[in-house]
Amino acid sequence: MMDKNEFWELIQRSYREGNWETDKEMEILINKLSNYSPEDILKFGKIYDIYAEESYKNKLWAAAYIMNGGCSDDCFDYFRGWLISQGKEPYFNAMINPDFIIDFDIPYDVGYFENEQMLSVALEAFNKKTGTDDINVYFEKIEDFELDSDELTDIIDEISFGEDIDADWDEDDEESLKKLLPKLYEQYW
């Protein structure tokens, strides 16, 4: 049965089995997830949406900006997809301080730290499971799907945020970026 622990376990197993290759990891994750019931796949999608929404933080956006040499709204969505696809520990550590990303066991020569496909894993698994190519079926179902309020609270309450996670920054002020995220700035800027 899908819950937040199963969500993270599926991501972590896929990450390991994909040998840290994003495309391979996503293919494995979609295949694994498509073995679940349609309801569990929808639940995975809702859990993903919660983690993505909760990570919409200024300091994390600054990290994405530094690591990718700039970062638009869409880029930030893909960056958060990338972060979630790294697993539970990296995600939770980055919510405390995105500068901890430098400590992840990831290759740093990948060029861009984005995973757009992570945003559609549940959709692709759902379509594979149900045999439909109509994306509207998934979006209609996910729109009506709700997590139990206790489960929703449990997911959100587990996330700890650093005090300055919503710190303001200015892309034109390199000193502010350097001060906000010194390790990432030194590595990528």
Protein backbone atom coordinates (compact mmCIF):
# COMPACT_ATOMS: atom_id res chain seq x y z
CA MET A 1 0.00 0.00 0.00
CA MET A 2 1.32 3.40 -0.96
CA ASP A 3 2.33 5.81 1.79
CA LYS A 4 5.19 8.27 2.26
CA ASN A 5 7.60 5.50 3.27
CA GLU A 6 6.77 3.40 0.22
CA PHE A 7 7.06 6.54 -1.93
CA TRP A 8 10.63 7.16 -0.77
CA GLU A 9 11.55 3.47 -0.88
CA LEU A 10 10.45 3.20 -4.53
CA ILE A 11 12.47 6.27 -5.43
CA GLN A 12 15.55 5.07 -3.57
CA ARG A 13 15.44 1.57 -5.08
CA SER A 14 14.98 2.99 -8.56
CA TYR A 15 17.84 5.43 -8.02
CA ARG A 16 20.20 2.63 -6.96
CA GLU A 17 19.08 0.24 -9.69
CA GLY A 18 19.38 3.00 -12.28
CA ASN A 19 23.01 3.43 -11.27
CA TRP A 20 22.47 7.15 -10.76
CA GLU A 21 21.41 7.65 -14.40
CA THR A 22 18.27 9.78 -14.43
CA ASP A 23 16.64 8.33 -17.56
CA LYS A 24 17.24 4.79 -16.38
CA GLU A 25 16.01 5.62 -12.88
CA MET A 26 12.77 7.10 -14.24
CA GLU A 27 12.15 4.07 -16.48
CA ILE A 28 12.65 1.73 -13.52
CA LEU A 29 10.47 3.88 -11.25
CA ILE A 30 7.63 3.99 -13.80
CA ASN A 31 7.82 0.23 -14.28
CA LYS A 32 7.82 -0.46 -10.54
CA LEU A 33 5.01 2.00 -9.86
CA SER A 34 2.86 0.59 -12.66
CA ASN A 35 2.72 -2.70 -10.72
CA TYR A 36 0.66 -0.96 -8.03
CA SER A 37 -3.09 -0.41 -8.10
CA PRO A 38 -4.38 2.71 -9.90
CA GLU A 39 -5.35 4.14 -6.49
CA ASP A 40 -1.81 3.64 -5.15
CA ILE A 41 -0.38 5.29 -8.27
CA LEU A 42 -2.68 8.28 -7.72
CA LYS A 43 -1.55 8.38 -4.10
CA PHE A 44 2.09 8.40 -5.24
CA GLY A 45 1.20 11.36 -7.47
CA LYS A 46 -0.42 13.25 -4.59
CA ILE A 47 2.52 12.55 -2.28
CA TYR A 48 4.89 13.82 -4.97
CA ASP A 49 2.81 16.97 -5.36
CA ILE A 50 2.98 17.63 -1.62
CA TYR A 51 6.77 17.27 -1.49
CA ALA A 52 7.14 19.44 -4.59
CA GLU A 53 4.84 22.12 -3.18
CA GLU A 54 6.54 22.10 0.22
CA SER A 55 9.94 22.57 -1.44
CA TYR A 56 8.89 25.78 -3.19
CA LYS A 57 11.29 27.84 -1.08
CA ASN A 58 13.41 30.88 -1.92
CA LYS A 59 16.71 29.49 -0.69
CA LEU A 60 16.19 26.28 -2.64
CA TRP A 61 15.47 28.34 -5.74
CA ALA A 62 18.76 30.16 -5.14
CA ALA A 63 20.49 26.76 -5.02
CA ALA A 64 18.90 25.82 -8.34
CA TYR A 65 19.95 29.19 -9.77
CA ILE A 66 23.57 28.68 -8.70
CA MET A 67 23.81 25.02 -9.73
CA ASN A 68 22.19 25.51 -13.13
CA GLY A 69 23.69 28.88 -13.97
CA GLY A 70 20.24 30.47 -13.85
CA CYS A 71 16.76 29.14 -13.16
CA SER A 72 13.34 30.03 -14.56
CA ASP A 73 10.00 28.98 -13.05
CA ASP A 74 9.96 25.78 -15.13
CA CYS A 75 13.60 25.10 -14.32
CA PHE A 76 12.76 25.32 -10.62
CA ASP A 77 9.98 22.74 -11.06
CA TYR A 78 12.46 20.41 -12.79
CA PHE A 79 15.09 21.10 -10.14
CA ARG A 80 12.66 20.09 -7.41
CA GLY A 81 11.85 16.97 -9.46
CA TRP A 82 15.57 16.25 -9.54
CA LEU A 83 15.89 16.82 -5.80
CA ILE A 84 12.99 14.49 -4.96
CA SER A 85 14.40 11.86 -7.31
CA GLN A 86 17.63 11.88 -5.25
CA GLY A 87 15.75 10.34 -2.31
CA LYS A 88 14.44 11.10 1.13
CA GLU A 89 17.66 12.03 2.94
CA PRO A 90 18.87 14.49 0.29
CA TYR A 91 15.41 16.08 0.07
CA PHE A 92 15.02 16.50 3.83
CA ASN A 93 18.58 17.78 4.27
CA ALA A 94 18.08 20.33 1.50
CA MET A 95 14.94 21.62 3.21
CA ILE A 96 17.04 22.39 6.28
CA ASN A 97 19.82 23.98 4.23
CA PRO A 98 20.17 23.69 0.46
CA ASP A 99 23.93 24.15 0.85
CA PHE A 100 23.90 20.50 2.06
CA ILE A 101 23.34 19.48 -1.58
CA ILE A 102 27.10 19.75 -2.01
CA ASP A 103 27.42 16.73 0.30
CA PHE A 104 25.17 14.47 -1.83
CA ASP A 105 26.75 11.40 -3.39
CA ILE A 106 26.00 12.54 -6.94
CA PRO A 107 28.10 13.25 -10.00
CA TYR A 108 28.69 16.99 -10.21
CA ASP A 109 29.55 17.08 -13.90
CA VAL A 110 26.03 16.42 -15.16
CA GLY A 111 25.60 19.97 -16.44
CA TYR A 112 22.05 20.61 -15.28
CA PHE A 113 20.37 19.53 -12.10
CA GLU A 114 16.89 18.97 -13.44
CA ASN A 115 14.52 16.04 -13.78
CA GLU A 116 11.46 17.05 -15.77
CA GLN A 117 10.31 13.45 -16.14
CA MET A 118 9.89 13.09 -12.37
CA LEU A 119 6.91 15.42 -12.64
CA SER A 120 5.06 12.88 -14.81
CA VAL A 121 6.10 9.56 -13.25
CA ALA A 122 2.66 8.94 -11.72
CA LEU A 123 0.91 9.90 -14.97
CA GLU A 124 3.08 7.56 -17.03
CA ALA A 125 2.70 4.70 -14.54
CA PHE A 126 -1.07 5.25 -14.35
CA ASN A 127 -1.42 5.19 -18.14
CA LYS A 128 0.74 2.08 -18.36
CA LYS A 129 -1.34 0.37 -15.67
CA THR A 130 -4.72 1.32 -17.14
CA GLY A 131 -3.71 0.94 -20.79
CA THR A 132 -4.77 4.43 -21.80
CA ASP A 133 -2.86 7.10 -23.68
CA ASP A 134 -5.35 9.80 -22.71
CA ILE A 135 -3.58 11.98 -20.14
CA ASN A 136 -6.88 13.63 -19.23
CA VAL A 137 -8.03 10.42 -17.51
CA TYR A 138 -5.15 10.70 -15.03
CA PHE A 139 -5.66 14.43 -14.47
CA GLU A 140 -9.39 13.98 -13.83
CA LYS A 141 -8.71 11.17 -11.35
CA ILE A 142 -5.86 12.95 -9.54
CA GLU A 143 -7.91 16.14 -9.22
CA ASP A 144 -10.62 14.23 -7.35
CA PHE A 145 -8.18 12.12 -5.31
CA GLU A 146 -7.60 13.27 -1.74
CA LEU A 147 -5.25 11.98 0.91
CA ASP A 148 -6.61 11.34 4.37
CA SER A 149 -6.10 14.51 6.45
CA ASP A 150 -4.00 12.63 9.04
CA GLU A 151 -1.72 11.31 6.31
CA LEU A 152 -1.39 14.75 4.76
CA THR A 153 -0.49 16.24 8.14
CA ASP A 154 1.99 13.44 8.80
CA ILE A 155 3.78 14.10 5.50
CA ILE A 156 4.00 17.86 6.02
CA ASP A 157 4.91 17.70 9.71
CA GLU A 158 7.89 15.45 9.01
CA ILE A 159 9.59 18.17 6.95
CA SER A 160 11.90 20.48 8.89
CA PHE A 161 12.83 23.79 7.33
CA GLY A 162 15.86 25.91 8.07
CA GLU A 163 15.05 29.28 9.62
CA ASP A 164 16.22 31.13 6.52
CA ILE A 165 14.68 28.77 3.90
CA ASP A 166 12.60 31.67 2.55
CA ALA A 167 15.46 34.16 2.62
CA ASP A 168 15.30 36.75 -0.13
CA TRP A 169 18.05 36.86 -2.72
CA ASP A 170 18.81 38.82 -5.83
CA GLU A 171 20.14 37.17 -8.97
CA ASP A 172 22.00 40.40 -9.79
CA ASP A 173 23.77 40.41 -6.41
CA GLU A 174 26.42 37.71 -6.51
CA GLU A 175 27.57 38.55 -2.98
CA SER A 176 24.12 37.76 -1.59
CA LEU A 177 24.16 34.38 -3.36
CA LYS A 178 27.66 33.67 -2.07
CA LYS A 179 26.64 34.58 1.46
CA LEU A 180 23.39 32.57 1.31
CA LEU A 181 24.88 29.35 -0.12
CA PRO A 182 28.69 29.53 0.15
CA LYS A 183 29.47 25.86 -0.62
CA LEU A 184 27.25 25.67 -3.70
CA TYR A 185 28.46 29.06 -4.87
CA GLU A 186 32.09 27.99 -4.61
CA GLN A 187 31.46 24.72 -6.47
CA TYR A 188 29.20 25.95 -9.28
CA TRP A 189 29.45 29.70 -9.78
